[in-house]
C-alpha atoms as a PDB file:
ATOM      1  CA  ALA A   1      83.786 115.665 108.124  1.00  0.00           C
ATOM      2  CA  VAL A   2      84.768 113.832 105.609  1.00  0.00           C
ATOM      3  CA  ARG A   3      88.169 114.779 104.136  1.00  0.00           C
ATOM      4  CA  VAL A   4      89.715 114.122 100.732  1.00  0.00           C
ATOM      5  CA  GLN A   5      93.392 114.519  99.658  1.00  0.00           C
ATOM      6  CA  LEU A   6      95.203 114.415  96.495  1.00  0.00           C
ATOM      7  CA  GLN A   7      98.813 114.692  95.644  1.00  0.00           C
ATOM      8  CA  GLY A   8     100.877 114.300  92.933  1.00  0.00           C
ATOM      9  CA  GLY A   9     104.584 114.077  91.982  1.00  0.00           C
ATOM     10  CA  LEU A  10     107.530 112.714  89.954  1.00  0.00           C
ATOM     11  CA  ALA A  11     110.066 110.280  91.287  1.00  0.00           C
ATOM     12  CA  ALA A  12     113.621 110.047  90.152  1.00  0.00           C
ATOM     13  CA  ALA A  13     116.220 108.057  91.376  1.00  0.00           C
ATOM     14  CA  LEU A  14     120.038 109.782  90.932  1.00  0.00           C
ATOM     15  CA  SER A  15     121.690 106.721  89.458  1.00  0.00           C
ATOM     16  CA  LYS A  16     122.508 105.251  86.167  1.00  0.00           C
ATOM     17  CA  GLY A  17     120.146 102.570  85.390  1.00  0.00           C
ATOM     18  CA  HIS A  18     117.535 100.294  87.543  1.00  0.00           C
ATOM     19  CA  THR A  19     118.918  96.968  89.181  1.00  0.00           C
ATOM     20  CA  HIS A  20     117.899  94.406  91.613  1.00  0.00           C
ATOM     21  CA  SER A  21     121.617  93.137  92.304  1.00  0.00           C
ATOM     22  CA  GLY A  22     124.430  94.765  93.511  1.00  0.00           C
ATOM     23  CA  SER A  23     124.639  98.143  95.038  1.00  0.00           C
ATOM     24  CA  SER A  24     123.925 101.621  93.702  1.00  0.00           C
ATOM     25  CA  ALA A  25     123.789 105.127  95.436  1.00  0.00           C
ATOM     26  CA  ILE A  26     119.889 105.772  94.748  1.00  0.00           C
ATOM     27  CA  PHE A  27     118.618 108.540  97.110  1.00  0.00           C
ATOM     28  CA  VAL A  28     114.609 108.205  95.687  1.00  0.00           C
ATOM     29  CA  ASN A  29     113.320 104.916  95.717  1.00  0.00           C
ATOM     30  CA  PRO A  30     111.127 104.338  92.763  1.00  0.00           C
ATOM     31  CA  HIS A  31     110.994 101.000  90.959  1.00  0.00           C
ATOM     32  CA  GLU A  32     111.943 102.329  87.623  1.00  0.00           C
ATOM     33  CA  ASP A  33     114.021 105.261  86.997  1.00  0.00           C
ATOM     34  CA  ARG A  34     111.122 107.671  86.658  1.00  0.00           C
ATOM     35  CA  GLU A  35     108.070 107.488  87.682  1.00  0.00           C
ATOM     36  CA  ALA A  36     104.722 109.445  87.937  1.00  0.00           C
ATOM     37  CA  GLN A  37     102.810 108.843  91.246  1.00  0.00           C
ATOM     38  CA  VAL A  38      99.713 109.997  92.695  1.00  0.00           C
ATOM     39  CA  ARG A  39      97.736 109.447  95.479  1.00  0.00           C
ATOM     40  CA  GLY A  40      94.318 109.869  96.913  1.00  0.00           C
ATOM     41  CA  THR A  41      93.039 109.973 100.472  1.00  0.00           C
ATOM     42  CA  LEU A  42      89.541 109.655 101.949  1.00  0.00           C
ATOM     43  CA  VAL A  43      89.517 110.250 105.948  1.00  0.00           C
ATOM     44  CA  ALA A  44      86.176 109.575 107.704  1.00  0.00           C
ATOM     45  CA  PRO A  45      87.150 110.696 111.125  1.00  0.00           C
ATOM     46  CA  MET A  46      84.828 109.358 114.097  1.00  0.00           C
ATOM     47  CA  LEU A  47      84.697 109.245 117.845  1.00  0.00           C
ATOM     48  CA  GLY A  48      85.601 113.077 117.735  1.00  0.00           C
ATOM     49  CA  GLY A  49      88.204 112.269 115.606  1.00  0.00           C
ATOM     50  CA  ARG A  50      90.111 109.771 117.591  1.00  0.00           C
ATOM     51  CA  LEU A  51      89.068 107.138 115.415  1.00  0.00           C
ATOM     52  CA  GLN A  52      89.976 107.949 111.537  1.00  0.00           C
ATOM     53  CA  PRO A  53      88.970 104.944 109.058  1.00  0.00           C
ATOM     54  CA  MET A  54      90.526 105.662 105.301  1.00  0.00           C
ATOM     55  CA  ALA A  55      90.739 104.563 101.725  1.00  0.00           C
ATOM     56  CA  LEU A  56      93.637 105.291 100.156  1.00  0.00           C
ATOM     57  CA  PHE A  57      94.446 104.819  96.181  1.00  0.00           C
ATOM     58  CA  ASN A  58      97.863 104.945  94.745  1.00  0.00           C
ATOM     59  CA  GLY A  59      98.784 105.340  90.807  1.00  0.00           C
ATOM     60  CA  ARG A  60     102.401 105.024  89.890  1.00  0.00           C
ATOM     61  CA  ILE A  61     102.720 105.984  85.647  1.00  0.00           C
ATOM     62  CA  VAL A  62     106.434 104.887  84.614  1.00  0.00           C
ATOM     63  CA  VAL A  63     107.623 107.703  82.445  1.00  0.00           C
ATOM     64  CA  GLU A  64     110.112 105.147  80.016  1.00  0.00           C
ATOM     65  CA  ASP A  65     109.361 102.923  77.509  1.00  0.00           C
ATOM     66  CA  VAL A  66     108.132  99.691  79.675  1.00  0.00           C
ATOM     67  CA  GLU A  67     105.945  96.838  79.058  1.00  0.00           C
ATOM     68  CA  ASP A  68     104.308  97.591  82.451  1.00  0.00           C
ATOM     69  CA  ARG A  69     104.050 101.246  82.862  1.00  0.00           C
ATOM     70  CA  MET A  70     100.852 101.943  84.664  1.00  0.00           C
ATOM     71  CA  PHE A  71     100.335 100.319  88.638  1.00  0.00           C
ATOM     72  CA  LEU A  72      97.275 101.336  90.694  1.00  0.00           C
ATOM     73  CA  THR A  73      96.428  99.858  94.241  1.00  0.00           C
ATOM     74  CA  GLY A  74      94.273 100.422  97.321  1.00  0.00           C
ATOM     75  CA  ALA A  75      94.064  99.956 100.174  1.00  0.00           C
ATOM     76  CA  PHE A  76      92.192 100.567 103.485  1.00  0.00           C
ATOM     77  CA  GLY A  77      93.423 101.500 106.868  1.00  0.00           C
ATOM     78  CA  ALA A  78      93.004 103.075 110.207  1.00  0.00           C
ATOM     79  CA  SER A  79      93.955 105.161 112.850  1.00  0.00           C
ATOM     80  CA  TYR A  80      93.158 104.921 116.456  1.00  0.00           C
ATOM     81  CA  GLN A  81      94.672 108.180 118.613  1.00  0.00           C
ATOM     82  CA  ILE A  82      95.169 105.805 122.088  1.00  0.00           C
ATOM     83  CA  THR A  83      96.769 108.561 123.948  1.00  0.00           C
ATOM     84  CA  ALA A  84      96.757 112.372 123.691  1.00  0.00           C
ATOM     85  CA  ASN A  85     100.156 111.987 122.199  1.00  0.00           C
ATOM     86  CA  ALA A  86     100.110 108.424 120.964  1.00  0.00           C
ATOM     87  CA  ARG A  87      98.618 106.960 117.438  1.00  0.00           C
ATOM     88  CA  ILE A  88      98.408 103.378 116.390  1.00  0.00           C
ATOM     89  CA  THR A  89      97.677 102.927 112.941  1.00  0.00           C
ATOM     90  CA  GLY A  90      97.089  99.757 110.218  1.00  0.00           C
ATOM     91  CA  GLN A  91      96.453  99.156 106.677  1.00  0.00           C
ATOM     92  CA  ILE A  92      96.258  96.879 103.751  1.00  0.00           C
ATOM     93  CA  GLU A  93      96.538  97.195 100.136  1.00  0.00           C
ATOM     94  CA  VAL A  94      96.477  95.182  97.289  1.00  0.00           C
ATOM     95  CA  PRO A  95      96.998  95.751  93.721  1.00  0.00           C
ATOM     96  CA  LEU A  96      93.673  97.266  91.196  1.00  0.00           C
ATOM     97  CA  THR A  97      95.159  96.591  87.931  1.00  0.00           C
ATOM     98  CA  GLU A  98      96.234  93.820  85.977  1.00  0.00           C
ATOM     99  CA  ALA A  99     100.300  94.933  86.103  1.00  0.00           C
ATOM    100  CA  GLN A 100     101.586  94.638  89.476  1.00  0.00           C
ATOM    101  CA  ARG A 101     104.526  95.046  92.050  1.00  0.00           C
ATOM    102  CA  PHE A 102     102.974  92.669  94.938  1.00  0.00           C
ATOM    103  CA  ASP A 103     100.069  90.304  95.419  1.00  0.00           C
ATOM    104  CA  TRP A 104      99.480  92.608  99.074  1.00  0.00           C
ATOM    105  CA  ARG A 105     100.705  94.100 102.044  1.00  0.00           C
ATOM    106  CA  ALA A 106     100.153  94.833 105.254  1.00  0.00           C
ATOM    107  CA  GLY A 107     101.254  97.100 107.663  1.00  0.00           C
ATOM    108  CA  MET A 108     101.251  98.578 111.838  1.00  0.00           C
ATOM    109  CA  GLY A 109     102.771 101.234 113.462  1.00  0.00           C
ATOM    110  CA  ILE A 110     102.761 103.431 116.338  1.00  0.00           C
ATOM    111  CA  GLY A 111     103.303 106.998 116.244  1.00  0.00           C
ATOM    112  CA  PHE A 112     104.335 109.757 118.940  1.00  0.00           C
ATOM    113  CA  ALA A 113     103.935 113.241 119.125  1.00  0.00           C
ATOM    114  CA  LEU A 114     106.291 115.601 121.160  1.00  0.00           C
END
């Protein structure tokens, strides 16, 4: 069965001001000091759940008075269970709005359940 998951939240940096240079203690690392975040995931398990192709949508809305306030990205990825305790994953993500923080990005990983 296809799974749909929706999440939302607010990220806030625990520091005064946002900077790309120097160092400051930021415990949550949004791009701006405060951002509302939404995420949607659609997963369609196959092969008895071993293969899980997915589509992801990430939205960030800056809760401050800045020029670019809305960022939306989309990603396609998959995970495959290679053993009873190990799963390999990969995805590629691209911006869907004119305002963007990157051109594209991709990732791969392997996870182990203990």
